[in-house]
Amino acid sequence: MNEMSTSEQRSVEVVKAINGLEKVVLREIHGSSVEVYFYGAHVTSWKNEHGEELLFLSSKAIFKPPKPIRGGIPICFPQFSNLGSLEAHGFARNRLWTFDDNPPPFPADATNKIFIDLILRPTKEDLKLWPHSFEYRLRITLGPRADLMLTSRIRNTSTDGKPFTFTFAYHTYFSVSDISEVRVEGLETLDYLDNCQKRERFTEQGDSITFESEVDKIYLSTPTKITIMDHEKKRTFSIRKDGLPDAVVWNPWDKKARTMADFGDDEYKHMLCVEAAAVEKPITLKPGEEWRGRQELSTVPSSSKQLDS
């Protein structure tokens, strides 16, 4: 174990994990925690102050490069889905990131928040796949109420004068008690692209989104706040986002689950992906320009009046 600094001894440490991969563990004084693998800058665990796991991680997840980790919060960059020339969801989620020793100033963080800064730059092999020079800086922050914030800053560092274009998603897998007892609010009446129907465009008709079969939809022009209500656990997840106009909602259901080697046949019952994303309108950066995209995750008891705040 490597302590990062004496002032942070009980809050941030680097440990050897599965298959020798290293991860960073953030611990908040009230008991909440976050675990982040350098491989993919991948958040694999987010626990509240009671030690309850809030993210879904497949029991069959493969922690062996170049396979991405199934569950947690994979980062999809520079491509969401498999519609471009790159591998599905891009390469950021299966590269080794490093500590960012010289991050640009982020918005002021309260002293009672714990955070780490990671950075990804392209290798020569990456530049052959995607010939664009970039710096991707990621700050992962754990707040005093177990709030989890991911802030991405992507800069075009090319010297050839060429812009580049990308799509993006925080592919968050939430842990739920029973998918048939869950509903999503905040996406009513919105248009969406249905990946189960060749990305045809439809308009959401329900008062809220519930689940009884495979769902793979990209909701467009979404609000900054979306909620997931888990009735059995009496828990509500709140997703707040900036710079990410779309929201992907995904559950593979039984048939697709059985085709995925790194996913248990019945695990679809206990997970739901709701992803802050920028998919419909790709982001273009000229040399020197920077894009910023943030998502903040929090939980409240379903009976709490905080839901209206």
C-alpha atoms as a PDB file:
ATOM      1  CA  MET A   1       0.000   0.000   0.000  1.00  0.00           C
ATOM      2  CA  ASN A   2       1.210   3.471  -0.846  1.00  0.00           C
ATOM      3  CA  GLU A   3      -0.011   6.405   1.168  1.00  0.00           C
ATOM      4  CA  MET A   4      -0.343   9.494  -0.997  1.00  0.00           C
ATOM      5  CA  SER A   5       0.536  12.030   1.695  1.00  0.00           C
ATOM      6  CA  THR A   6       0.559  12.254   5.451  1.00  0.00           C
ATOM      7  CA  SER A   7      -2.252  14.808   5.396  1.00  0.00           C
ATOM      8  CA  GLU A   8      -4.454  12.373   3.497  1.00  0.00           C
ATOM      9  CA  GLN A   9      -3.389   9.151   5.176  1.00  0.00           C
ATOM     10  CA  ARG A  10      -6.856   7.995   6.046  1.00  0.00           C
ATOM     11  CA  SER A  11      -8.589   9.302   2.938  1.00  0.00           C
ATOM     12  CA  VAL A  12      -6.656   8.246  -0.175  1.00  0.00           C
ATOM     13  CA  GLU A  13      -4.469   5.229  -0.764  1.00  0.00           C
ATOM     14  CA  VAL A  14      -3.218   3.165  -3.673  1.00  0.00           C
ATOM     15  CA  VAL A  15      -3.535  -0.599  -3.351  1.00  0.00           C
ATOM     16  CA  LYS A  16      -2.820  -3.644  -5.486  1.00  0.00           C
ATOM     17  CA  ALA A  17      -6.083  -5.196  -6.624  1.00  0.00           C
ATOM     18  CA  ILE A  18      -7.364  -7.913  -8.960  1.00  0.00           C
ATOM     19  CA  ASN A  19      -4.732  -9.426 -11.294  1.00  0.00           C
ATOM     20  CA  GLY A  20      -2.126  -6.995  -9.958  1.00  0.00           C
ATOM     21  CA  LEU A  21      -3.946  -3.938 -11.291  1.00  0.00           C
ATOM     22  CA  GLU A  22      -3.707  -0.900  -9.035  1.00  0.00           C
ATOM     23  CA  LYS A  23      -6.637   1.068  -7.693  1.00  0.00           C
ATOM     24  CA  VAL A  24      -7.100   4.191  -5.620  1.00  0.00           C
ATOM     25  CA  VAL A  25      -9.419   4.039  -2.610  1.00  0.00           C
ATOM     26  CA  LEU A  26     -11.026   7.266  -1.395  1.00  0.00           C
ATOM     27  CA  ARG A  27     -12.535   7.140   2.089  1.00  0.00           C
ATOM     28  CA  GLU A  28     -14.666   9.886   3.586  1.00  0.00           C
ATOM     29  CA  ILE A  29     -14.622  10.383   7.353  1.00  0.00           C
ATOM     30  CA  HIS A  30     -18.312   9.453   7.711  1.00  0.00           C
ATOM     31  CA  GLY A  31     -17.734   6.049   6.106  1.00  0.00           C
ATOM     32  CA  SER A  32     -18.469   6.452   2.396  1.00  0.00           C
ATOM     33  CA  SER A  33     -15.884   5.293  -0.131  1.00  0.00           C
ATOM     34  CA  VAL A  34     -14.995   5.134  -3.806  1.00  0.00           C
ATOM     35  CA  GLU A  35     -12.618   2.779  -5.612  1.00  0.00           C
ATOM     36  CA  VAL A  36     -11.009   3.756  -8.919  1.00  0.00           C
ATOM     37  CA  TYR A  37      -8.807   1.547 -11.101  1.00  0.00           C
ATOM     38  CA  PHE A  38      -6.016   3.262 -13.027  1.00  0.00           C
ATOM     39  CA  TYR A  39      -7.011   0.881 -15.794  1.00  0.00           C
ATOM     40  CA  GLY A  40      -9.688   2.900 -17.558  1.00  0.00           C
ATOM     41  CA  ALA A  41      -9.903   5.509 -14.751  1.00  0.00           C
ATOM     42  CA  HIS A  42     -12.728   3.155 -13.923  1.00  0.00           C
ATOM     43  CA  VAL A  43     -14.843   3.662 -10.789  1.00  0.00           C
ATOM     44  CA  THR A  44     -15.715   0.133  -9.643  1.00  0.00           C
ATOM     45  CA  SER A  45     -17.219   0.843  -6.221  1.00  0.00           C
ATOM     46  CA  TRP A  46     -19.192   3.650  -4.592  1.00  0.00           C
ATOM     47  CA  LYS A  47     -20.441   2.990  -1.075  1.00  0.00           C
ATOM     48  CA  ASN A  48     -22.541   5.194   1.178  1.00  0.00           C
ATOM     49  CA  GLU A  49     -21.801   5.920   4.849  1.00  0.00           C
ATOM     50  CA  HIS A  50     -23.514   2.628   5.795  1.00  0.00           C
ATOM     51  CA  GLY A  51     -21.164   0.656   3.546  1.00  0.00           C
ATOM     52  CA  GLU A  52     -23.916  -0.177   1.043  1.00  0.00           C
ATOM     53  CA  GLU A  53     -22.698  -0.625  -2.535  1.00  0.00           C
ATOM     54  CA  LEU A  54     -24.439   1.769  -4.915  1.00  0.00           C
ATOM     55  CA  LEU A  55     -22.891   0.637  -8.213  1.00  0.00           C
ATOM     56  CA  PHE A  56     -23.374  -2.668  -9.998  1.00  0.00           C
ATOM     57  CA  LEU A  57     -20.272  -4.689 -10.835  1.00  0.00           C
ATOM     58  CA  SER A  58     -20.758  -7.988 -12.623  1.00  0.00           C
ATOM     59  CA  SER A  59     -19.631 -11.099 -10.757  1.00  0.00           C
ATOM     60  CA  LYS A  60     -18.107 -12.160 -14.091  1.00  0.00           C
ATOM     61  CA  ALA A  61     -16.269  -8.891 -14.782  1.00  0.00           C
ATOM     62  CA  ILE A  62     -12.875  -9.519 -16.383  1.00  0.00           C
ATOM     63  CA  PHE A  63     -10.063  -7.475 -14.827  1.00  0.00           C
ATOM     64  CA  LYS A  64      -7.556  -8.214 -17.552  1.00  0.00           C
ATOM     65  CA  PRO A  65      -6.463  -5.742 -20.246  1.00  0.00           C
ATOM     66  CA  PRO A  66      -7.506  -5.141 -22.954  1.00  0.00           C
ATOM     67  CA  LYS A  67     -10.979  -6.267 -21.829  1.00  0.00           C
ATOM     68  CA  PRO A  68     -12.987  -3.388 -20.313  1.00  0.00           C
ATOM     69  CA  ILE A  69     -14.414  -3.912 -16.824  1.00  0.00           C
ATOM     70  CA  ARG A  70     -18.129  -4.801 -16.814  1.00  0.00           C
ATOM     71  CA  GLY A  71     -19.952  -2.506 -14.402  1.00  0.00           C
ATOM     72  CA  GLY A  72     -19.123   0.517 -12.288  1.00  0.00           C
ATOM     73  CA  ILE A  73     -18.569   3.646 -14.386  1.00  0.00           C
ATOM     74  CA  PRO A  74     -16.773   2.986 -17.685  1.00  0.00           C
ATOM     75  CA  ILE A  75     -15.818   6.122 -19.618  1.00  0.00           C
ATOM     76  CA  CYS A  76     -16.835   6.102 -23.290  1.00  0.00           C
ATOM     77  CA  PHE A  77     -14.376   8.274 -25.258  1.00  0.00           C
ATOM     78  CA  PRO A  78     -13.717   9.247 -28.009  1.00  0.00           C
ATOM     79  CA  GLN A  79     -16.668   7.271 -29.253  1.00  0.00           C
ATOM     80  CA  PHE A  80     -19.942   6.130 -27.759  1.00  0.00           C
ATOM     81  CA  SER A  81     -21.365   2.892 -29.173  1.00  0.00           C
ATOM     82  CA  ASN A  82     -19.786   1.299 -32.233  1.00  0.00           C
ATOM     83  CA  LEU A  83     -20.853   3.636 -34.995  1.00  0.00           C
ATOM     84  CA  GLY A  84     -17.358   4.931 -35.768  1.00  0.00           C
ATOM     85  CA  SER A  85     -14.093   3.338 -36.838  1.00  0.00           C
ATOM     86  CA  LEU A  86     -12.931   2.584 -33.288  1.00  0.00           C
ATOM     87  CA  GLU A  87     -13.790  -0.281 -30.952  1.00  0.00           C
ATOM     88  CA  ALA A  88     -17.174  -0.001 -29.255  1.00  0.00           C
ATOM     89  CA  HIS A  89     -17.224   2.876 -26.734  1.00  0.00           C
ATOM     90  CA  GLY A  90     -13.719   4.005 -27.678  1.00  0.00           C
ATOM     91  CA  PHE A  91     -10.428   3.289 -25.951  1.00  0.00           C
ATOM     92  CA  ALA A  92     -10.334   5.440 -22.795  1.00  0.00           C
ATOM     93  CA  ARG A  93     -11.899   2.630 -20.743  1.00  0.00           C
ATOM     94  CA  ASN A  94      -9.119   0.167 -21.499  1.00  0.00           C
ATOM     95  CA  ARG A  95      -6.016   2.333 -21.198  1.00  0.00           C
ATOM     96  CA  LEU A  96      -3.823   2.887 -18.166  1.00  0.00           C
ATOM     97  CA  TRP A  97      -4.277   6.377 -16.756  1.00  0.00           C
ATOM     98  CA  THR A  98      -1.796   8.127 -14.463  1.00  0.00           C
ATOM     99  CA  PHE A  99      -1.950  10.658 -11.663  1.00  0.00           C
ATOM    100  CA  ASP A 100      -2.248  14.194 -12.993  1.00  0.00           C
ATOM    101  CA  ASP A 101       0.461  16.073 -11.089  1.00  0.00           C
ATOM    102  CA  ASN A 102      -0.273  19.419 -12.700  1.00  0.00           C
ATOM    103  CA  PRO A 103      -4.038  19.769 -13.169  1.00  0.00           C
ATOM    104  CA  PRO A 104      -5.448  23.095 -14.336  1.00  0.00           C
ATOM    105  CA  PRO A 105      -7.538  24.883 -11.716  1.00  0.00           C
ATOM    106  CA  PHE A 106     -10.920  23.270 -11.270  1.00  0.00           C
ATOM    107  CA  PRO A 107     -13.824  25.105  -9.663  1.00  0.00           C
ATOM    108  CA  ALA A 108     -13.085  25.517  -5.966  1.00  0.00           C
ATOM    109  CA  ASP A 109     -13.507  22.316  -3.977  1.00  0.00           C
ATOM    110  CA  ALA A 110     -14.571  22.519  -0.368  1.00  0.00           C
ATOM    111  CA  THR A 111     -11.880  21.291   1.984  1.00  0.00           C
ATOM    112  CA  ASN A 112     -14.141  18.500   3.230  1.00  0.00           C
ATOM    113  CA  LYS A 113     -14.203  16.838  -0.176  1.00  0.00           C
ATOM    114  CA  ILE A 114     -11.699  14.169  -1.196  1.00  0.00           C
ATOM    115  CA  PHE A 115     -10.579  13.998  -4.815  1.00  0.00           C
ATOM    116  CA  ILE A 116      -7.996  12.597  -7.192  1.00  0.00           C
ATOM    117  CA  ASP A 117      -6.890  13.873 -10.582  1.00  0.00           C
ATOM    118  CA  LEU A 118      -6.080  11.424 -13.374  1.00  0.00           C
ATOM    119  CA  ILE A 119      -4.849  12.074 -16.902  1.00  0.00           C
ATOM    120  CA  LEU A 120      -4.814  10.230 -20.225  1.00  0.00           C
ATOM    121  CA  ARG A 121      -2.701  11.152 -23.232  1.00  0.00           C
ATOM    122  CA  PRO A 122      -2.605   9.157 -26.472  1.00  0.00           C
ATOM    123  CA  THR A 123       0.127   6.613 -27.103  1.00  0.00           C
ATOM    124  CA  LYS A 124       1.695   6.122 -30.531  1.00  0.00           C
ATOM    125  CA  GLU A 125      -0.643   3.167 -31.009  1.00  0.00           C
ATOM    126  CA  ASP A 126      -3.650   5.326 -30.098  1.00  0.00           C
ATOM    127  CA  LEU A 127      -2.589   7.954 -32.624  1.00  0.00           C
ATOM    128  CA  LYS A 128      -2.608   5.296 -35.339  1.00  0.00           C
ATOM    129  CA  LEU A 129      -6.182   4.375 -34.394  1.00  0.00           C
ATOM    130  CA  TRP A 130      -7.377   7.939 -33.847  1.00  0.00           C
ATOM    131  CA  PRO A 131      -4.863  10.487 -35.182  1.00  0.00           C
ATOM    132  CA  HIS A 132      -5.608  13.331 -32.774  1.00  0.00           C
ATOM    133  CA  SER A 133      -3.504  14.730 -29.961  1.00  0.00           C
ATOM    134  CA  PHE A 134      -5.417  15.325 -26.732  1.00  0.00           C
ATOM    135  CA  GLU A 135      -5.198  15.566 -22.975  1.00  0.00           C
ATOM    136  CA  TYR A 136      -8.070  14.093 -20.981  1.00  0.00           C
ATOM    137  CA  ARG A 137      -8.127  15.190 -17.357  1.00  0.00           C
ATOM    138  CA  LEU A 138     -10.545  13.558 -14.942  1.00  0.00           C
ATOM    139  CA  ARG A 139     -11.281  14.638 -11.391  1.00  0.00           C
ATOM    140  CA  ILE A 140     -13.135  12.134  -9.182  1.00  0.00           C
ATOM    141  CA  THR A 141     -14.545  13.729  -6.033  1.00  0.00           C
ATOM    142  CA  LEU A 142     -16.213  12.187  -2.990  1.00  0.00           C
ATOM    143  CA  GLY A 143     -18.268  14.626  -0.932  1.00  0.00           C
ATOM    144  CA  PRO A 144     -19.312  14.569   2.723  1.00  0.00           C
ATOM    145  CA  ARG A 145     -22.764  13.159   1.953  1.00  0.00           C
ATOM    146  CA  ALA A 146     -21.279  10.400  -0.188  1.00  0.00           C
ATOM    147  CA  ASP A 147     -21.940  12.447  -3.332  1.00  0.00           C
ATOM    148  CA  LEU A 148     -19.766  11.278  -6.203  1.00  0.00           C
ATOM    149  CA  MET A 149     -18.714  13.763  -8.872  1.00  0.00           C
ATOM    150  CA  LEU A 150     -16.813  13.063 -12.092  1.00  0.00           C
ATOM    151  CA  THR A 151     -15.512  16.072 -13.982  1.00  0.00           C
ATOM    152  CA  SER A 152     -13.903  15.544 -17.391  1.00  0.00           C
ATOM    153  CA  ARG A 153     -11.811  18.113 -19.211  1.00  0.00           C
ATOM    154  CA  ILE A 154     -10.717  17.192 -22.729  1.00  0.00           C
ATOM    155  CA  ARG A 155      -8.360  19.482 -24.632  1.00  0.00           C
ATOM    156  CA  ASN A 156      -7.214  19.429 -28.245  1.00  0.00           C
ATOM    157  CA  THR A 157      -3.414  19.660 -27.972  1.00  0.00           C
ATOM    158  CA  SER A 158      -2.629  19.187 -31.654  1.00  0.00           C
ATOM    159  CA  THR A 159      -0.067  21.375 -33.362  1.00  0.00           C
ATOM    160  CA  ASP A 160      -1.268  20.632 -36.889  1.00  0.00           C
ATOM    161  CA  GLY A 161      -4.196  23.030 -36.736  1.00  0.00           C
ATOM    162  CA  LYS A 162      -6.800  20.297 -37.125  1.00  0.00           C
ATOM    163  CA  PRO A 163      -9.983  20.016 -35.054  1.00  0.00           C
ATOM    164  CA  PHE A 164     -11.303  16.687 -33.822  1.00  0.00           C
ATOM    165  CA  THR A 165     -14.771  15.407 -33.038  1.00  0.00           C
ATOM    166  CA  PHE A 166     -15.910  12.933 -30.402  1.00  0.00           C
ATOM    167  CA  THR A 167     -18.911  11.492 -28.594  1.00  0.00           C
ATOM    168  CA  PHE A 168     -18.919  10.667 -24.910  1.00  0.00           C
ATOM    169  CA  ALA A 169     -20.732   8.957 -22.022  1.00  0.00           C
ATOM    170  CA  TYR A 170     -20.305   8.132 -18.363  1.00  0.00           C
ATOM    171  CA  HIS A 171     -21.624   4.566 -18.688  1.00  0.00           C
ATOM    172  CA  THR A 172     -22.863   4.332 -15.086  1.00  0.00           C
ATOM    173  CA  TYR A 173     -24.204   0.989 -13.842  1.00  0.00           C
ATOM    174  CA  PHE A 174     -26.463   1.574 -10.833  1.00  0.00           C
ATOM    175  CA  SER A 175     -27.198  -1.227  -8.372  1.00  0.00           C
ATOM    176  CA  VAL A 176     -30.942  -1.769  -8.009  1.00  0.00           C
ATOM    177  CA  SER A 177     -32.966  -4.266  -6.003  1.00  0.00           C
ATOM    178  CA  ASP A 178     -35.223  -5.457  -8.840  1.00  0.00           C
ATOM    179  CA  ILE A 179     -35.359  -3.866 -12.294  1.00  0.00           C
ATOM    180  CA  SER A 180     -39.110  -4.486 -12.494  1.00  0.00           C
ATOM    181  CA  GLU A 181     -39.605  -2.307  -9.389  1.00  0.00           C
ATOM    182  CA  VAL A 182     -37.546   0.654 -10.639  1.00  0.00           C
ATOM    183  CA  ARG A 183     -38.638   3.778 -12.455  1.00  0.00           C
ATOM    184  CA  VAL A 184     -36.768   6.684 -14.021  1.00  0.00           C
ATOM    185  CA  GLU A 185     -38.117  10.222 -13.892  1.00  0.00           C
ATOM    186  CA  GLY A 186     -37.042  13.328 -15.779  1.00  0.00           C
ATOM    187  CA  LEU A 187     -37.187  11.942 -19.331  1.00  0.00           C
ATOM    188  CA  GLU A 188     -40.954  12.078 -19.885  1.00  0.00           C
ATOM    189  CA  THR A 189     -42.202  13.476 -23.246  1.00  0.00           C
ATOM    190  CA  LEU A 190     -38.653  13.612 -24.657  1.00  0.00           C
ATOM    191  CA  ASP A 191     -37.506  12.312 -28.021  1.00  0.00           C
ATOM    192  CA  TYR A 192     -35.156   9.340 -28.039  1.00  0.00           C
ATOM    193  CA  LEU A 193     -33.200   7.201 -30.479  1.00  0.00           C
ATOM    194  CA  ASP A 194     -33.972   3.506 -30.009  1.00  0.00           C
ATOM    195  CA  ASN A 195     -30.895   1.313 -30.470  1.00  0.00           C
ATOM    196  CA  CYS A 196     -33.153  -1.751 -30.438  1.00  0.00           C
ATOM    197  CA  GLN A 197     -34.846  -0.380 -33.568  1.00  0.00           C
ATOM    198  CA  LYS A 198     -31.918   0.818 -35.686  1.00  0.00           C
ATOM    199  CA  ARG A 199     -31.787   4.175 -33.903  1.00  0.00           C
ATOM    200  CA  GLU A 200     -35.223   5.212 -35.058  1.00  0.00           C
ATOM    201  CA  ARG A 201     -36.500   8.351 -33.370  1.00  0.00           C
ATOM    202  CA  PHE A 202     -39.546   8.185 -31.079  1.00  0.00           C
ATOM    203  CA  THR A 203     -41.159  10.296 -28.359  1.00  0.00           C
ATOM    204  CA  GLU A 204     -41.424   8.965 -24.803  1.00  0.00           C
ATOM    205  CA  GLN A 205     -45.094   8.482 -23.900  1.00  0.00           C
ATOM    206  CA  GLY A 206     -45.016   7.259 -20.304  1.00  0.00           C
ATOM    207  CA  ASP A 207     -45.315   9.334 -17.146  1.00  0.00           C
ATOM    208  CA  SER A 208     -42.069   7.686 -16.079  1.00  0.00           C
ATOM    209  CA  ILE A 209     -39.872   4.962 -17.507  1.00  0.00           C
ATOM    210  CA  THR A 210     -40.361   1.423 -16.204  1.00  0.00           C
ATOM    211  CA  PHE A 211     -38.800  -1.846 -17.348  1.00  0.00           C
ATOM    212  CA  GLU A 212     -40.234  -5.107 -18.614  1.00  0.00           C
ATOM    213  CA  SER A 213     -37.944  -5.928 -21.560  1.00  0.00           C
ATOM    214  CA  GLU A 214     -34.623  -4.896 -23.120  1.00  0.00           C
ATOM    215  CA  VAL A 215     -34.129  -1.129 -23.217  1.00  0.00           C
ATOM    216  CA  ASP A 216     -31.380   0.725 -25.102  1.00  0.00           C
ATOM    217  CA  LYS A 217     -32.390   4.329 -25.721  1.00  0.00           C
ATOM    218  CA  ILE A 218     -30.598   7.647 -26.205  1.00  0.00           C
ATOM    219  CA  TYR A 219     -32.790  10.439 -24.823  1.00  0.00           C
ATOM    220  CA  LEU A 220     -32.150  13.852 -26.382  1.00  0.00           C
ATOM    221  CA  SER A 221     -32.027  17.375 -24.947  1.00  0.00           C
ATOM    222  CA  THR A 222     -32.469  16.048 -21.433  1.00  0.00           C
ATOM    223  CA  PRO A 223     -32.756  18.084 -18.222  1.00  0.00           C
ATOM    224  CA  THR A 224     -29.782  18.586 -15.928  1.00  0.00           C
ATOM    225  CA  LYS A 225     -31.366  16.294 -13.301  1.00  0.00           C
ATOM    226  CA  ILE A 226     -32.644  12.726 -13.711  1.00  0.00           C
ATOM    227  CA  THR A 227     -33.779  10.429 -10.912  1.00  0.00           C
ATOM    228  CA  ILE A 228     -33.910   6.658 -10.485  1.00  0.00           C
ATOM    229  CA  MET A 229     -36.434   5.476  -7.900  1.00  0.00           C
ATOM    230  CA  ASP A 230     -35.845   2.051  -6.359  1.00  0.00           C
ATOM    231  CA  HIS A 231     -39.033   1.244  -4.452  1.00  0.00           C
ATOM    232  CA  GLU A 232     -37.808  -1.918  -2.747  1.00  0.00           C
ATOM    233  CA  LYS A 233     -34.683  -0.257  -1.327  1.00  0.00           C
ATOM    234  CA  LYS A 234     -36.597   2.974  -0.673  1.00  0.00           C
ATOM    235  CA  ARG A 235     -33.708   4.755  -2.352  1.00  0.00           C
ATOM    236  CA  THR A 236     -33.571   7.394  -5.039  1.00  0.00           C
ATOM    237  CA  PHE A 237     -30.497   8.113  -7.131  1.00  0.00           C
ATOM    238  CA  SER A 238     -30.099  11.643  -8.404  1.00  0.00           C
ATOM    239  CA  ILE A 239     -27.999  12.313 -11.498  1.00  0.00           C
ATOM    240  CA  ARG A 240     -27.047  15.934 -12.135  1.00  0.00           C
ATOM    241  CA  LYS A 241     -25.049  16.796 -15.216  1.00  0.00           C
ATOM    242  CA  ASP A 242     -23.445  19.666 -17.110  1.00  0.00           C
ATOM    243  CA  GLY A 243     -22.163  19.706 -20.682  1.00  0.00           C
ATOM    244  CA  LEU A 244     -23.890  16.401 -21.437  1.00  0.00           C
ATOM    245  CA  PRO A 245     -27.207  16.990 -23.234  1.00  0.00           C
ATOM    246  CA  ASP A 246     -28.186  13.344 -23.762  1.00  0.00           C
ATOM    247  CA  ALA A 247     -28.978  10.442 -21.450  1.00  0.00           C
ATOM    248  CA  VAL A 248     -28.642   6.773 -22.341  1.00  0.00           C
ATOM    249  CA  VAL A 249     -30.884   4.243 -20.587  1.00  0.00           C
ATOM    250  CA  TRP A 250     -29.855   0.590 -20.912  1.00  0.00           C
ATOM    251  CA  ASN A 251     -30.756  -2.806 -19.530  1.00  0.00           C
ATOM    252  CA  PRO A 252     -29.898  -5.902 -21.620  1.00  0.00           C
ATOM    253  CA  TRP A 253     -32.678  -8.110 -20.177  1.00  0.00           C
ATOM    254  CA  ASP A 254     -32.458 -11.899 -20.266  1.00  0.00           C
ATOM    255  CA  LYS A 255     -31.676 -12.841 -23.870  1.00  0.00           C
ATOM    256  CA  LYS A 256     -28.819 -10.401 -24.365  1.00  0.00           C
ATOM    257  CA  ALA A 257     -27.492 -11.071 -20.854  1.00  0.00           C
ATOM    258  CA  ARG A 258     -26.980 -14.712 -21.819  1.00  0.00           C
ATOM    259  CA  THR A 259     -24.829 -13.692 -24.797  1.00  0.00           C
ATOM    260  CA  MET A 260     -22.389 -11.636 -22.684  1.00  0.00           C
ATOM    261  CA  ALA A 261     -19.476 -13.676 -21.352  1.00  0.00           C
ATOM    262  CA  ASP A 262     -18.627 -11.133 -18.645  1.00  0.00           C
ATOM    263  CA  PHE A 263     -22.189 -10.759 -17.357  1.00  0.00           C
ATOM    264  CA  GLY A 264     -24.240 -13.206 -15.279  1.00  0.00           C
ATOM    265  CA  ASP A 265     -27.412 -14.589 -16.860  1.00  0.00           C
ATOM    266  CA  ASP A 266     -29.688 -13.106 -14.177  1.00  0.00           C
ATOM    267  CA  GLU A 267     -27.667 -10.020 -13.272  1.00  0.00           C
ATOM    268  CA  TYR A 268     -29.796  -7.787 -15.474  1.00  0.00           C
ATOM    269  CA  LYS A 269     -32.385  -7.873 -12.673  1.00  0.00           C
ATOM    270  CA  HIS A 270     -30.082  -5.953 -10.352  1.00  0.00           C
ATOM    271  CA  MET A 271     -28.626  -3.231 -12.580  1.00  0.00           C
ATOM    272  CA  LEU A 272     -29.664  -0.246 -14.626  1.00  0.00           C
ATOM    273  CA  CYS A 273     -27.485   2.033 -16.717  1.00  0.00           C
ATOM    274  CA  VAL A 274     -28.484   5.683 -16.884  1.00  0.00           C
ATOM    275  CA  GLU A 275     -25.675   7.530 -18.580  1.00  0.00           C
ATOM    276  CA  ALA A 276     -24.931  11.232 -18.869  1.00  0.00           C
ATOM    277  CA  ALA A 277     -23.826  11.526 -22.490  1.00  0.00           C
ATOM    278  CA  ALA A 278     -23.147  13.587 -25.589  1.00  0.00           C
ATOM    279  CA  VAL A 279     -24.098  11.362 -28.511  1.00  0.00           C
ATOM    280  CA  GLU A 280     -26.548  12.912 -30.989  1.00  0.00           C
ATOM    281  CA  LYS A 281     -24.451  16.015 -31.669  1.00  0.00           C
ATOM    282  CA  PRO A 282     -20.731  15.206 -31.555  1.00  0.00           C
ATOM    283  CA  ILE A 283     -18.419  17.686 -29.839  1.00  0.00           C
ATOM    284  CA  THR A 284     -15.791  19.400 -31.970  1.00  0.00           C
ATOM    285  CA  LEU A 285     -12.658  20.959 -30.496  1.00  0.00           C
ATOM    286  CA  LYS A 286     -10.254  23.193 -32.389  1.00  0.00           C
ATOM    287  CA  PRO A 287      -6.587  23.190 -31.328  1.00  0.00           C
ATOM    288  CA  GLY A 288      -6.296  24.667 -27.848  1.00  0.00           C
ATOM    289  CA  GLU A 289     -10.008  24.350 -27.111  1.00  0.00           C
ATOM    290  CA  GLU A 290     -11.281  22.438 -24.094  1.00  0.00           C
ATOM    291  CA  TRP A 291     -14.577  20.694 -23.355  1.00  0.00           C
ATOM    292  CA  ARG A 292     -15.887  20.060 -19.867  1.00  0.00           C
ATOM    293  CA  GLY A 293     -18.514  17.499 -18.875  1.00  0.00           C
ATOM    294  CA  ARG A 294     -19.607  16.748 -15.329  1.00  0.00           C
ATOM    295  CA  GLN A 295     -21.917  14.336 -13.580  1.00  0.00           C
ATOM    296  CA  GLU A 296     -22.760  14.312  -9.880  1.00  0.00           C
ATOM    297  CA  LEU A 297     -24.398  11.265  -8.310  1.00  0.00           C
ATOM    298  CA  SER A 298     -26.175  11.290  -4.975  1.00  0.00           C
ATOM    299  CA  THR A 299     -28.771   9.263  -3.106  1.00  0.00           C
ATOM    300  CA  VAL A 300     -31.636  10.171  -0.822  1.00  0.00           C
ATOM    301  CA  PRO A 301     -34.281   8.061   0.886  1.00  0.00           C
ATOM    302  CA  SER A 302     -37.342   7.926  -1.392  1.00  0.00           C
ATOM    303  CA  SER A 303     -39.484   9.530   1.310  1.00  0.00           C
ATOM    304  CA  SER A 304     -37.149  12.501   1.690  1.00  0.00           C
ATOM    305  CA  LYS A 305     -38.334  15.986   0.900  1.00  0.00           C
ATOM    306  CA  GLN A 306     -34.911  16.577  -0.646  1.00  0.00           C
ATOM    307  CA  LEU A 307     -36.289  15.100  -3.861  1.00  0.00           C
ATOM    308  CA  ASP A 308     -38.007  18.384  -4.564  1.00  0.00           C
ATOM    309  CA  SER A 309     -34.913  20.503  -4.000  1.00  0.00           C
END
